C-alpha atoms as a PDB file:
ATOM      1  CA  MET A   1     -76.040  44.876 133.407  1.00  0.00           C
ATOM      2  CA  ILE A   2     -74.534  45.955 136.730  1.00  0.00           C
ATOM      3  CA  VAL A   3     -76.699  49.079 136.964  1.00  0.00           C
ATOM      4  CA  PHE A   4     -79.746  46.903 136.357  1.00  0.00           C
ATOM      5  CA  LEU A   5     -78.695  44.468 139.025  1.00  0.00           C
ATOM      6  CA  GLU A   6     -78.059  47.151 141.597  1.00  0.00           C
ATOM      7  CA  GLN A   7     -81.470  48.685 141.074  1.00  0.00           C
ATOM      8  CA  MET A   8     -83.429  45.462 141.476  1.00  0.00           C
ATOM      9  CA  LYS A   9     -85.906  45.370 144.285  1.00  0.00           C
ATOM     10  CA  ASN A  10     -86.622  42.562 146.777  1.00  0.00           C
ATOM     11  CA  THR A  11     -90.129  42.338 145.434  1.00  0.00           C
ATOM     12  CA  HIS A  12     -88.881  40.848 142.152  1.00  0.00           C
ATOM     13  CA  ALA A  13     -86.804  38.181 143.961  1.00  0.00           C
ATOM     14  CA  THR A  14     -89.793  37.370 146.259  1.00  0.00           C
ATOM     15  CA  ARG A  15     -92.153  37.024 143.316  1.00  0.00           C
ATOM     16  CA  THR A  16     -89.676  34.665 141.615  1.00  0.00           C
ATOM     17  CA  ARG A  17     -89.324  32.518 144.733  1.00  0.00           C
ATOM     18  CA  ASN A  18     -93.091  32.322 145.210  1.00  0.00           C
ATOM     19  CA  GLN A  19     -93.559  31.190 141.593  1.00  0.00           C
ATOM     20  CA  LYS A  20     -90.955  28.454 142.028  1.00  0.00           C
ATOM     21  CA  THR A  21     -92.548  27.366 145.330  1.00  0.00           C
ATOM     22  CA  ARG A  22     -95.915  26.948 143.633  1.00  0.00           C
ATOM     23  CA  ALA A  23     -94.236  24.995 140.812  1.00  0.00           C
ATOM     24  CA  LEU A  24     -92.490  22.770 143.382  1.00  0.00           C
ATOM     25  CA  VAL A  25     -95.750  22.045 145.126  1.00  0.00           C
ATOM     26  CA  LEU A  26     -97.348  21.120 141.821  1.00  0.00           C
ATOM     27  CA  ALA A  27     -94.433  18.843 140.993  1.00  0.00           C
ATOM     28  CA  VAL A  28     -94.728  17.105 144.345  1.00  0.00           C
ATOM     29  CA  VAL A  29     -98.487  16.617 143.868  1.00  0.00           C
ATOM     30  CA  LEU A  30     -97.882  15.141 140.442  1.00  0.00           C
ATOM     31  CA  GLY A  31     -95.159  12.839 141.843  1.00  0.00           C
ATOM     32  CA  VAL A  32     -97.475  11.675 144.625  1.00  0.00           C
ATOM     33  CA  GLY A  33    -100.210  10.946 142.136  1.00  0.00           C
ATOM     34  CA  ALA A  34     -97.842   8.836 140.043  1.00  0.00           C
ATOM     35  CA  ALA A  35     -96.616   6.903 143.093  1.00  0.00           C
ATOM     36  CA  CYS A  36    -100.161   6.180 144.171  1.00  0.00           C
ATOM     37  CA  ALA A  37    -100.918   4.794 140.745  1.00  0.00           C
ATOM     38  CA  GLY A  38     -98.033   2.370 141.105  1.00  0.00           C
ATOM     39  CA  GLU A  39     -95.858   4.051 138.453  1.00  0.00           C
ATOM     40  CA  PRO A  40     -92.093   4.244 138.803  1.00  0.00           C
ATOM     41  CA  ASP A  41     -90.984   7.405 140.576  1.00  0.00           C
ATOM     42  CA  TYR A  42     -87.952   9.665 140.108  1.00  0.00           C
ATOM     43  CA  TRP A  43     -85.961   7.844 142.771  1.00  0.00           C
ATOM     44  CA  THR A  44     -86.258   4.585 140.893  1.00  0.00           C
ATOM     45  CA  GLY A  45     -85.044   6.295 137.758  1.00  0.00           C
ATOM     46  CA  GLN A  46     -82.191   7.997 139.621  1.00  0.00           C
ATOM     47  CA  ALA A  47     -81.119   4.634 141.128  1.00  0.00           C
ATOM     48  CA  ALA A  48     -81.023   3.093 137.636  1.00  0.00           C
ATOM     49  CA  TYR A  49     -79.045   6.047 136.369  1.00  0.00           C
ATOM     50  CA  GLY A  50     -76.619   5.766 139.225  1.00  0.00           C
ATOM     51  CA  ARG A  51     -75.828   2.148 138.541  1.00  0.00           C
ATOM     52  CA  GLY A  52     -75.374   2.803 134.816  1.00  0.00           C
ATOM     53  CA  ASP A  53     -78.644   1.219 133.581  1.00  0.00           C
ATOM     54  CA  PHE A  54     -79.391   4.219 131.391  1.00  0.00           C
ATOM     55  CA  LYS A  55     -81.999   2.491 129.267  1.00  0.00           C
ATOM     56  CA  ALA A  56     -84.209   1.721 132.305  1.00  0.00           C
ATOM     57  CA  ALA A  57     -83.532   5.165 133.775  1.00  0.00           C
ATOM     58  CA  LEU A  58     -84.539   7.036 130.642  1.00  0.00           C
ATOM     59  CA  GLU A  59     -87.754   4.983 130.290  1.00  0.00           C
ATOM     60  CA  ILE A  60     -88.723   6.235 133.741  1.00  0.00           C
ATOM     61  CA  LEU A  61     -87.368   9.764 133.477  1.00  0.00           C
ATOM     62  CA  TYR A  62     -88.859  10.889 130.156  1.00  0.00           C
ATOM     63  CA  PRO A  63     -92.549  10.588 131.215  1.00  0.00           C
ATOM     64  CA  LEU A  64     -91.805  12.276 134.537  1.00  0.00           C
ATOM     65  CA  ALA A  65     -89.884  15.063 132.765  1.00  0.00           C
ATOM     66  CA  ARG A  66     -92.733  15.637 130.320  1.00  0.00           C
ATOM     67  CA  ALA A  67     -95.069  15.890 133.362  1.00  0.00           C
ATOM     68  CA  ASN A  68     -92.868  18.767 134.666  1.00  0.00           C
ATOM     69  CA  ASP A  69     -90.937  16.816 137.272  1.00  0.00           C
ATOM     70  CA  ALA A  70     -88.016  19.207 137.830  1.00  0.00           C
ATOM     71  CA  GLN A  71     -85.685  16.582 139.198  1.00  0.00           C
ATOM     72  CA  ALA A  72     -86.239  14.339 136.237  1.00  0.00           C
ATOM     73  CA  GLN A  73     -85.657  17.235 133.876  1.00  0.00           C
ATOM     74  CA  LEU A  74     -82.396  18.107 135.617  1.00  0.00           C
ATOM     75  CA  LEU A  75     -81.151  14.516 135.361  1.00  0.00           C
ATOM     76  CA  LEU A  76     -82.086  14.381 131.674  1.00  0.00           C
ATOM     77  CA  GLY A  77     -80.122  17.588 131.177  1.00  0.00           C
ATOM     78  CA  LYS A  78     -77.114  15.908 132.854  1.00  0.00           C
ATOM     79  CA  ALA A  79     -77.549  12.865 130.633  1.00  0.00           C
ATOM     80  CA  TYR A  80     -77.452  14.912 127.420  1.00  0.00           C
ATOM     81  CA  ALA A  81     -74.620  17.080 128.683  1.00  0.00           C
ATOM     82  CA  SER A  82     -72.438  14.066 129.503  1.00  0.00           C
ATOM     83  CA  GLY A  83     -73.700  11.638 126.855  1.00  0.00           C
ATOM     84  CA  ALA A  84     -74.946   9.089 129.463  1.00  0.00           C
ATOM     85  CA  GLY A  85     -77.274   6.756 127.609  1.00  0.00           C
ATOM     86  CA  VAL A  86     -77.990   9.312 124.913  1.00  0.00           C
ATOM     87  CA  PRO A  87     -75.932  11.039 122.263  1.00  0.00           C
ATOM     88  CA  ARG A  88     -74.116  14.033 123.808  1.00  0.00           C
ATOM     89  CA  ASP A  89     -76.081  17.121 122.911  1.00  0.00           C
ATOM     90  CA  GLY A  90     -75.448  20.440 124.569  1.00  0.00           C
ATOM     91  CA  ALA A  91     -78.477  22.139 123.076  1.00  0.00           C
ATOM     92  CA  GLU A  92     -80.761  19.322 124.343  1.00  0.00           C
ATOM     93  CA  ALA A  93     -79.092  19.527 127.725  1.00  0.00           C
ATOM     94  CA  ASP A  94     -79.747  23.216 127.914  1.00  0.00           C
ATOM     95  CA  ARG A  95     -83.388  22.684 126.937  1.00  0.00           C
ATOM     96  CA  TRP A  96     -83.988  20.235 129.807  1.00  0.00           C
ATOM     97  CA  PHE A  97     -82.079  22.438 132.245  1.00  0.00           C
ATOM     98  CA  ALA A  98     -84.206  25.418 131.250  1.00  0.00           C
ATOM     99  CA  LYS A  99     -87.361  23.309 131.821  1.00  0.00           C
ATOM    100  CA  ALA A 100     -86.039  22.288 135.266  1.00  0.00           C
ATOM    101  CA  VAL A 101     -85.574  26.004 136.147  1.00  0.00           C
ATOM    102  CA  ARG A 102     -89.154  26.737 135.127  1.00  0.00           C
ATOM    103  CA  SER A 103     -90.676  23.737 136.788  1.00  0.00           C
ATOM    104  CA  GLY A 104     -89.147  23.610 140.213  1.00  0.00           C
ATOM    105  CA  PRO A 105     -86.569  24.775 142.761  1.00  0.00           C
ATOM    106  CA  PHE A 106     -83.512  24.616 140.433  1.00  0.00           C
ATOM    107  CA  GLU A 107     -82.067  28.086 139.746  1.00  0.00           C
ATOM    108  CA  HIS A 108     -79.848  29.057 136.852  1.00  0.00           C
ATOM    109  CA  GLY A 109     -76.943  29.565 139.338  1.00  0.00           C
ATOM    110  CA  ARG A 110     -77.160  25.976 140.617  1.00  0.00           C
ATOM    111  CA  ILE A 111     -77.021  24.635 137.061  1.00  0.00           C
ATOM    112  CA  ALA A 112     -74.034  26.954 136.441  1.00  0.00           C
ATOM    113  CA  ASP A 113     -72.391  25.271 139.450  1.00  0.00           C
ATOM    114  CA  LEU A 114     -72.651  21.873 137.702  1.00  0.00           C
ATOM    115  CA  TYR A 115     -70.656  23.203 134.791  1.00  0.00           C
ATOM    116  CA  MET A 116     -68.216  25.092 136.994  1.00  0.00           C
ATOM    117  CA  ASP A 117     -67.509  22.047 139.171  1.00  0.00           C
ATOM    118  CA  GLY A 118     -67.943  19.296 136.599  1.00  0.00           C
ATOM    119  CA  LYS A 119     -70.561  17.533 138.742  1.00  0.00           C
ATOM    120  CA  GLY A 120     -72.393  15.086 136.439  1.00  0.00           C
ATOM    121  CA  VAL A 121     -71.519  17.199 133.367  1.00  0.00           C
ATOM    122  CA  PRO A 122     -68.258  18.116 131.638  1.00  0.00           C
ATOM    123  CA  LYS A 123     -66.552  21.185 133.064  1.00  0.00           C
ATOM    124  CA  ASP A 124     -67.413  24.165 130.865  1.00  0.00           C
ATOM    125  CA  PHE A 125     -66.590  27.661 132.111  1.00  0.00           C
ATOM    126  CA  ARG A 126     -68.373  29.437 129.257  1.00  0.00           C
ATOM    127  CA  LYS A 127     -71.593  27.595 129.906  1.00  0.00           C
ATOM    128  CA  ALA A 128     -71.272  28.213 133.633  1.00  0.00           C
ATOM    129  CA  MET A 129     -70.882  31.977 132.985  1.00  0.00           C
ATOM    130  CA  ARG A 130     -73.876  32.040 130.681  1.00  0.00           C
ATOM    131  CA  TRP A 131     -76.079  30.321 133.263  1.00  0.00           C
ATOM    132  CA  TYR A 132     -74.783  32.589 136.067  1.00  0.00           C
ATOM    133  CA  GLU A 133     -75.527  35.661 133.934  1.00  0.00           C
ATOM    134  CA  GLU A 134     -79.017  34.448 133.066  1.00  0.00           C
ATOM    135  CA  GLY A 135     -79.606  33.765 136.746  1.00  0.00           C
ATOM    136  CA  ALA A 136     -78.369  37.195 137.743  1.00  0.00           C
ATOM    137  CA  GLY A 137     -80.655  38.765 135.146  1.00  0.00           C
ATOM    138  CA  ASP A 138     -83.529  36.773 136.678  1.00  0.00           C
ATOM    139  CA  GLY A 139     -82.762  38.108 140.162  1.00  0.00           C
ATOM    140  CA  GLU A 140     -81.150  35.018 141.653  1.00  0.00           C
ATOM    141  CA  PRO A 141     -78.891  35.963 144.575  1.00  0.00           C
ATOM    142  CA  TRP A 142     -76.656  32.835 144.285  1.00  0.00           C
ATOM    143  CA  ALA A 143     -75.882  33.595 140.632  1.00  0.00           C
ATOM    144  CA  MET A 144     -75.055  37.224 141.499  1.00  0.00           C
ATOM    145  CA  TYR A 145     -72.803  36.217 144.373  1.00  0.00           C
ATOM    146  CA  SER A 146     -71.024  33.641 142.192  1.00  0.00           C
ATOM    147  CA  LEU A 147     -70.355  36.217 139.521  1.00  0.00           C
ATOM    148  CA  GLY A 148     -68.949  38.521 142.210  1.00  0.00           C
ATOM    149  CA  GLU A 149     -66.586  35.728 143.285  1.00  0.00           C
ATOM    150  CA  LEU A 150     -65.378  35.120 139.744  1.00  0.00           C
ATOM    151  CA  TYR A 151     -64.702  38.813 139.066  1.00  0.00           C
ATOM    152  CA  ARG A 152     -63.066  39.456 142.457  1.00  0.00           C
ATOM    153  CA  ARG A 153     -60.767  36.426 142.168  1.00  0.00           C
ATOM    154  CA  GLY A 154     -60.159  36.704 138.408  1.00  0.00           C
ATOM    155  CA  LYS A 155     -61.282  33.088 137.909  1.00  0.00           C
ATOM    156  CA  GLY A 156     -61.736  32.593 134.182  1.00  0.00           C
ATOM    157  CA  VAL A 157     -62.280  36.365 133.687  1.00  0.00           C
ATOM    158  CA  ALA A 158     -60.176  39.462 134.161  1.00  0.00           C
ATOM    159  CA  VAL A 159     -60.203  40.803 137.708  1.00  0.00           C
ATOM    160  CA  ASP A 160     -62.889  43.544 137.911  1.00  0.00           C
ATOM    161  CA  TYR A 161     -63.358  44.841 141.453  1.00  0.00           C
ATOM    162  CA  PRO A 162     -66.116  47.353 140.653  1.00  0.00           C
ATOM    163  CA  ARG A 163     -68.182  44.643 138.901  1.00  0.00           C
ATOM    164  CA  ALA A 164     -67.545  42.210 141.779  1.00  0.00           C
ATOM    165  CA  PHE A 165     -68.624  44.835 144.320  1.00  0.00           C
ATOM    166  CA  GLY A 166     -71.831  45.464 142.272  1.00  0.00           C
ATOM    167  CA  TYR A 167     -72.708  41.761 142.114  1.00  0.00           C
ATOM    168  CA  TYR A 168     -72.108  41.201 145.870  1.00  0.00           C
ATOM    169  CA  THR A 169     -74.271  44.226 146.658  1.00  0.00           C
ATOM    170  CA  ALA A 170     -77.037  43.092 144.291  1.00  0.00           C
ATOM    171  CA  ALA A 171     -76.933  39.613 145.872  1.00  0.00           C
ATOM    172  CA  ILE A 172     -77.468  41.091 149.318  1.00  0.00           C
ATOM    173  CA  ALA A 173     -80.364  43.249 148.060  1.00  0.00           C
ATOM    174  CA  ALA A 174     -82.000  40.138 146.578  1.00  0.00           C
ATOM    175  CA  GLY A 175     -81.801  38.246 149.860  1.00  0.00           C
ATOM    176  CA  GLY A 176     -78.433  36.475 149.433  1.00  0.00           C
ATOM    177  CA  GLN A 177     -76.775  37.446 152.736  1.00  0.00           C
ATOM    178  CA  TYR A 178     -73.663  35.448 151.764  1.00  0.00           C
ATOM    179  CA  GLY A 179     -72.833  38.469 149.579  1.00  0.00           C
ATOM    180  CA  HIS A 180     -71.603  40.075 152.796  1.00  0.00           C
ATOM    181  CA  ALA A 181     -68.675  37.614 152.867  1.00  0.00           C
ATOM    182  CA  GLY A 182     -67.506  38.898 149.458  1.00  0.00           C
ATOM    183  CA  LEU A 183     -67.701  42.494 150.531  1.00  0.00           C
ATOM    184  CA  ALA A 184     -65.771  41.625 153.776  1.00  0.00           C
ATOM    185  CA  TRP A 185     -62.928  40.194 151.682  1.00  0.00           C
ATOM    186  CA  MET A 186     -62.807  43.323 149.514  1.00  0.00           C
ATOM    187  CA  TYR A 187     -62.703  45.729 152.520  1.00  0.00           C
ATOM    188  CA  SER A 188     -60.184  43.616 154.434  1.00  0.00           C
ATOM    189  CA  LEU A 189     -57.844  43.137 151.479  1.00  0.00           C
ATOM    190  CA  GLY A 190     -58.210  46.599 149.967  1.00  0.00           C
ATOM    191  CA  GLN A 191     -59.598  45.216 146.706  1.00  0.00           C
ATOM    192  CA  GLY A 192     -60.834  48.126 144.636  1.00  0.00           C
ATOM    193  CA  ARG A 193     -61.162  50.326 147.690  1.00  0.00           C
ATOM    194  CA  PRO A 194     -59.021  51.260 150.715  1.00  0.00           C
ATOM    195  CA  VAL A 195     -58.659  48.738 153.559  1.00  0.00           C
ATOM    196  CA  ASP A 196     -61.479  49.385 155.999  1.00  0.00           C
ATOM    197  CA  TRP A 197     -61.627  46.877 158.888  1.00  0.00           C
ATOM    198  CA  ALA A 198     -64.708  48.505 160.435  1.00  0.00           C
ATOM    199  CA  ARG A 199     -66.671  47.761 157.284  1.00  0.00           C
ATOM    200  CA  ALA A 200     -65.068  44.321 156.866  1.00  0.00           C
ATOM    201  CA  VAL A 201     -66.105  43.320 160.378  1.00  0.00           C
ATOM    202  CA  TYR A 202     -69.617  44.659 159.813  1.00  0.00           C
ATOM    203  CA  HIS A 203     -69.957  42.459 156.733  1.00  0.00           C
ATOM    204  CA  LEU A 204     -68.327  39.463 158.394  1.00  0.00           C
ATOM    205  CA  LYS A 205     -70.822  39.638 161.281  1.00  0.00           C
ATOM    206  CA  ALA A 206     -73.685  39.794 158.777  1.00  0.00           C
ATOM    207  CA  ALA A 207     -72.347  36.808 156.904  1.00  0.00           C
ATOM    208  CA  ALA A 208     -71.874  34.866 160.169  1.00  0.00           C
ATOM    209  CA  GLN A 209     -75.391  35.652 161.196  1.00  0.00           C
ATOM    210  CA  ALA A 210     -76.551  34.233 157.812  1.00  0.00           C
ATOM    211  CA  GLY A 211     -74.722  30.938 158.551  1.00  0.00           C
ATOM    212  CA  SER A 212     -71.432  31.314 156.714  1.00  0.00           C
ATOM    213  CA  LEU A 213     -68.981  28.545 157.685  1.00  0.00           C
ATOM    214  CA  THR A 214     -66.011  30.846 157.047  1.00  0.00           C
ATOM    215  CA  ALA A 215     -67.104  34.216 158.459  1.00  0.00           C
ATOM    216  CA  ASP A 216     -66.832  33.122 162.122  1.00  0.00           C
ATOM    217  CA  TRP A 217     -63.246  31.903 161.937  1.00  0.00           C
ATOM    218  CA  GLU A 218     -62.353  35.047 159.978  1.00  0.00           C
ATOM    219  CA  LEU A 219     -63.851  37.086 162.797  1.00  0.00           C
ATOM    220  CA  GLY A 220     -61.761  34.954 165.173  1.00  0.00           C
ATOM    221  CA  ASP A 221     -58.621  35.832 163.230  1.00  0.00           C
ATOM    222  CA  TYR A 222     -59.506  39.540 163.471  1.00  0.00           C
ATOM    223  CA  TYR A 223     -60.076  39.522 167.188  1.00  0.00           C
ATOM    224  CA  ALA A 224     -56.959  37.401 167.832  1.00  0.00           C
ATOM    225  CA  ALA A 225     -54.635  39.717 165.868  1.00  0.00           C
ATOM    226  CA  ALA A 226     -53.403  42.805 167.705  1.00  0.00           C
ATOM    227  CA  ASP A 227     -52.009  44.382 164.515  1.00  0.00           C
ATOM    228  CA  LEU A 228     -55.543  44.621 163.083  1.00  0.00           C
ATOM    229  CA  GLY A 229     -56.732  46.654 166.020  1.00  0.00           C
ATOM    230  CA  GLY A 230     -59.320  44.224 167.277  1.00  0.00           C
ATOM    231  CA  LYS A 231     -57.401  42.202 169.908  1.00  0.00           C
ATOM    232  CA  ASP A 232     -60.021  40.563 172.069  1.00  0.00           C
ATOM    233  CA  LEU A 233     -59.276  36.973 172.995  1.00  0.00           C
ATOM    234  CA  GLU A 234     -62.737  36.366 174.500  1.00  0.00           C
ATOM    235  CA  GLN A 235     -64.388  37.431 171.199  1.00  0.00           C
ATOM    236  CA  ALA A 236     -61.839  35.426 169.185  1.00  0.00           C
ATOM    237  CA  GLU A 237     -62.618  32.261 171.232  1.00  0.00           C
ATOM    238  CA  ARG A 238     -66.357  32.822 170.785  1.00  0.00           C
ATOM    239  CA  HIS A 239     -66.125  33.077 167.008  1.00  0.00           C
ATOM    240  CA  TYR A 240     -63.584  30.206 166.585  1.00  0.00           C
ATOM    241  CA  LEU A 241     -65.791  28.028 168.795  1.00  0.00           C
ATOM    242  CA  ARG A 242     -68.952  28.866 166.816  1.00  0.00           C
ATOM    243  CA  SER A 243     -67.227  28.004 163.520  1.00  0.00           C
ATOM    244  CA  ALA A 244     -65.873  24.714 164.920  1.00  0.00           C
ATOM    245  CA  ARG A 245     -69.307  23.727 166.288  1.00  0.00           C
ATOM    246  CA  MET A 246     -70.823  24.430 162.833  1.00  0.00           C
ATOM    247  CA  GLY A 247     -68.494  21.827 161.430  1.00  0.00           C
ATOM    248  CA  SER A 248     -65.904  23.896 159.626  1.00  0.00           C
ATOM    249  CA  LEU A 249     -62.641  21.866 159.449  1.00  0.00           C
ATOM    250  CA  LEU A 250     -60.639  25.060 159.146  1.00  0.00           C
ATOM    251  CA  GLY A 251     -62.595  26.507 162.074  1.00  0.00           C
ATOM    252  CA  ILE A 252     -61.656  23.445 164.192  1.00  0.00           C
ATOM    253  CA  TYR A 253     -58.015  23.886 163.180  1.00  0.00           C
ATOM    254  CA  LYS A 254     -57.968  27.528 164.064  1.00  0.00           C
ATOM    255  CA  LEU A 255     -59.774  26.945 167.400  1.00  0.00           C
ATOM    256  CA  ALA A 256     -57.301  24.219 168.420  1.00  0.00           C
ATOM    257  CA  ARG A 257     -54.305  26.342 167.475  1.00  0.00           C
ATOM    258  CA  PHE A 258     -55.829  29.353 169.310  1.00  0.00           C
ATOM    259  CA  TYR A 259     -56.263  27.290 172.509  1.00  0.00           C
ATOM    260  CA  GLY A 260     -52.666  25.982 172.233  1.00  0.00           C
ATOM    261  CA  ARG A 261     -50.876  29.137 171.249  1.00  0.00           C
ATOM    262  CA  GLU A 262     -52.963  32.194 172.348  1.00  0.00           C
ATOM    263  CA  ALA A 263     -55.343  31.213 175.122  1.00  0.00           C
ATOM    264  CA  GLY A 264     -53.051  28.933 177.145  1.00  0.00           C
ATOM    265  CA  LYS A 265     -55.598  26.111 177.306  1.00  0.00           C
ATOM    266  CA  PRO A 266     -53.572  23.090 176.129  1.00  0.00           C
ATOM    267  CA  TYR A 267     -56.136  20.466 177.171  1.00  0.00           C
ATOM    268  CA  GLU A 268     -58.833  22.214 175.174  1.00  0.00           C
ATOM    269  CA  ALA A 269     -56.360  22.374 172.296  1.00  0.00           C
ATOM    270  CA  LEU A 270     -55.804  18.594 172.626  1.00  0.00           C
ATOM    271  CA  LYS A 271     -59.548  17.961 172.623  1.00  0.00           C
ATOM    272  CA  TRP A 272     -60.085  19.883 169.381  1.00  0.00           C
ATOM    273  CA  TRP A 273     -56.972  18.519 167.645  1.00  0.00           C
ATOM    274  CA  ARG A 274     -58.430  15.084 168.315  1.00  0.00           C
ATOM    275  CA  VAL A 275     -61.759  16.206 166.813  1.00  0.00           C
ATOM    276  CA  GLN A 276     -59.875  17.393 163.734  1.00  0.00           C
ATOM    277  CA  MET A 277     -58.079  14.069 163.477  1.00  0.00           C
ATOM    278  CA  ARG A 278     -61.399  12.215 163.474  1.00  0.00           C
ATOM    279  CA  ARG A 279     -62.601  14.557 160.740  1.00  0.00           C
ATOM    280  CA  GLY A 280     -59.560  13.727 158.566  1.00  0.00           C
ATOM    281  CA  GLY A 281     -57.440  16.734 159.472  1.00  0.00           C
ATOM    282  CA  PHE A 282     -54.271  14.763 159.955  1.00  0.00           C
ATOM    283  CA  ALA A 283     -52.030  17.805 160.413  1.00  0.00           C
ATOM    284  CA  ALA A 284     -53.332  17.680 164.001  1.00  0.00           C
ATOM    285  CA  ALA A 285     -50.980  14.777 164.810  1.00  0.00           C
ATOM    286  CA  SER A 286     -47.839  16.884 164.679  1.00  0.00           C
ATOM    287  CA  GLU A 287     -49.542  19.715 166.621  1.00  0.00           C
ATOM    288  CA  ILE A 288     -50.406  17.267 169.427  1.00  0.00           C
ATOM    289  CA  GLY A 289     -46.829  16.082 169.400  1.00  0.00           C
ATOM    290  CA  LEU A 290     -45.702  19.663 169.938  1.00  0.00           C
ATOM    291  CA  LEU A 291     -48.075  20.080 172.886  1.00  0.00           C
ATOM    292  CA  TYR A 292     -46.458  17.054 174.531  1.00  0.00           C
ATOM    293  CA  LEU A 293     -42.885  18.099 173.580  1.00  0.00           C
ATOM    294  CA  ASP A 294     -43.327  21.569 175.099  1.00  0.00           C
ATOM    295  CA  GLY A 295     -44.545  20.011 178.373  1.00  0.00           C
ATOM    296  CA  LEU A 296     -47.962  21.690 178.094  1.00  0.00           C
ATOM    297  CA  LEU A 297     -49.739  18.395 178.848  1.00  0.00           C
ATOM    298  CA  GLY A 298     -47.500  17.494 181.751  1.00  0.00           C
ATOM    299  CA  GLU A 299     -43.814  16.679 182.177  1.00  0.00           C
ATOM    300  CA  ASP A 300     -44.134  12.921 182.895  1.00  0.00           C
ATOM    301  CA  GLY A 301     -43.303  10.930 179.789  1.00  0.00           C
ATOM    302  CA  LYS A 302     -43.713  13.980 177.566  1.00  0.00           C
ATOM    303  CA  GLU A 303     -40.911  13.002 175.110  1.00  0.00           C
ATOM    304  CA  VAL A 304     -42.217   9.473 174.627  1.00  0.00           C
ATOM    305  CA  MET A 305     -45.719  10.779 173.906  1.00  0.00           C
ATOM    306  CA  ALA A 306     -44.344  13.463 171.594  1.00  0.00           C
ATOM    307  CA  LEU A 307     -42.386  10.873 169.629  1.00  0.00           C
ATOM    308  CA  ALA A 308     -45.460   8.649 169.416  1.00  0.00           C
ATOM    309  CA  TRP A 309     -47.539  11.479 167.852  1.00  0.00           C
ATOM    310  CA  PHE A 310     -44.680  12.555 165.575  1.00  0.00           C
ATOM    311  CA  LEU A 311     -44.440   8.932 164.316  1.00  0.00           C
ATOM    312  CA  VAL A 312     -48.106   9.004 163.464  1.00  0.00           C
ATOM    313  CA  ALA A 313     -47.704  12.375 161.741  1.00  0.00           C
ATOM    314  CA  ASP A 314     -44.713  11.022 159.776  1.00  0.00           C
ATOM    315  CA  GLU A 315     -46.706   8.036 158.463  1.00  0.00           C
ATOM    316  CA  LEU A 316     -49.452  10.503 157.433  1.00  0.00           C
ATOM    317  CA  GLY A 317     -46.893  12.389 155.274  1.00  0.00           C
ATOM    318  CA  ALA A 318     -45.834  15.288 157.546  1.00  0.00           C
ATOM    319  CA  ASP A 319     -42.213  15.887 156.506  1.00  0.00           C
ATOM    320  CA  SER A 320     -41.765  18.613 159.142  1.00  0.00           C
ATOM    321  CA  VAL A 321     -41.639  16.032 161.927  1.00  0.00           C
ATOM    322  CA  LYS A 322     -38.612  14.105 160.595  1.00  0.00           C
ATOM    323  CA  PRO A 323     -35.998  16.300 162.363  1.00  0.00           C
ATOM    324  CA  PRO A 324     -37.667  16.104 165.826  1.00  0.00           C
ATOM    325  CA  ILE A 325     -38.171  12.356 165.385  1.00  0.00           C
ATOM    326  CA  GLU A 326     -34.435  11.828 164.777  1.00  0.00           C
ATOM    327  CA  ASP A 327     -33.552  14.131 167.687  1.00  0.00           C
ATOM    328  CA  LEU A 328     -35.878  12.307 170.089  1.00  0.00           C
ATOM    329  CA  LYS A 329     -34.600   8.887 169.038  1.00  0.00           C
ATOM    330  CA  LYS A 330     -31.031  10.008 169.883  1.00  0.00           C
ATOM    331  CA  ARG A 331     -32.081  11.324 173.324  1.00  0.00           C
ATOM    332  CA  LEU A 332     -34.335   8.480 174.391  1.00  0.00           C
ATOM    333  CA  GLY A 333     -33.285   4.947 175.287  1.00  0.00           C
ATOM    334  CA  PRO A 334     -34.208   1.913 173.172  1.00  0.00           C
ATOM    335  CA  GLY A 335     -36.986   0.922 175.541  1.00  0.00           C
ATOM    336  CA  GLN A 336     -38.546   4.367 175.364  1.00  0.00           C
ATOM    337  CA  VAL A 337     -38.331   4.426 171.561  1.00  0.00           C
ATOM    338  CA  ALA A 338     -40.046   0.977 171.515  1.00  0.00           C
ATOM    339  CA  ASP A 339     -42.689   2.300 173.959  1.00  0.00           C
ATOM    340  CA  ALA A 340     -43.305   5.304 171.686  1.00  0.00           C
ATOM    341  CA  ALA A 341     -43.754   2.943 168.668  1.00  0.00           C
ATOM    342  CA  ARG A 342     -46.348   0.951 170.628  1.00  0.00           C
ATOM    343  CA  LYS A 343     -48.205   4.086 171.610  1.00  0.00           C
ATOM    344  CA  ALA A 344     -48.139   5.245 167.978  1.00  0.00           C
ATOM    345  CA  ALA A 345     -49.728   1.967 166.931  1.00  0.00           C
ATOM    346  CA  ALA A 346     -52.431   2.380 169.585  1.00  0.00           C
ATOM    347  CA  ILE A 347     -53.126   5.952 168.303  1.00  0.00           C
ATOM    348  CA  ARG A 348     -53.460   4.724 164.711  1.00  0.00           C
ATOM    349  CA  SER A 349     -55.831   1.948 165.851  1.00  0.00           C
ATOM    350  CA  ASP A 350     -57.876   4.493 167.865  1.00  0.00           C
ATOM    351  CA  PHE A 351     -58.346   6.733 164.794  1.00  0.00           C
ATOM    352  CA  GLY A 352     -58.794   3.889 162.352  1.00  0.00           C
ATOM    353  CA  LEU A 353     -55.661   4.725 160.471  1.00  0.00           C
END
């Protein structure tokens, strides 16, 4: 299987994508025709399914599915897999999922994801593996990459680094540039081969170029760490910033910490910690408290502001701030402690906590 995957050519993957594109166009044309005729469309059926009116949903979905509407076929597959409005029937679910793969843009690997994550269907690792393997045999890069992840991490299967390496490489050859992220992990951690940071960085850069949310902050870590041989704070900042701007919550965290601890830019750190707070990264509250406590945001009233942020962090469940809260309460006067409590209330209101 691995040898076959490694020898596959891009032409096979391109042909498969072109066939699915033509099928998708046909499905769209059929859908438009139905809508123009005043017939219920997929979205009406999906809405009924979502509110639990399975009888109405199925009456709409069956005709669409028989007319090769891939979305309707996928939803029917979910219905049979989970027993929503119909008797639970795995074979019937597989039949509709297979039709969805043939009719439209749904790949085997994406259906495998449903079973792996339990999204709309019961979690079923064996079924997920079967769909991933079918997708890999059909030249789908996402299925190949996913199999590489499972074998590298030993998730549900025995760790098999040669097989993981083969799947990642095949994914890249088939156009799945995210395969570079998997190879970067293997080279950086010495998984199945010696640690090789030059190769790891090469693959991280390729993954970042392909839009990986994690590759840029991983490159930031590399350039920020002297012991890895790549110490370059300018490059670290560039990659952390790119990851944060792409919306990675961990990228935002790493950028804020970098500004506060490595780059000596506390006000930039404060700005990004606040961004993380608004995104639900509540660990930022204690980090902001430390910026104030260390006097990095000015000396005037620093302990009152530190206590205010620590109080917010404490209410959000950060046990690590309990000792500094007790220490500050002993050092500050009653009026200052009350002032900190008022500021903490204002902070919570500002962030909608």
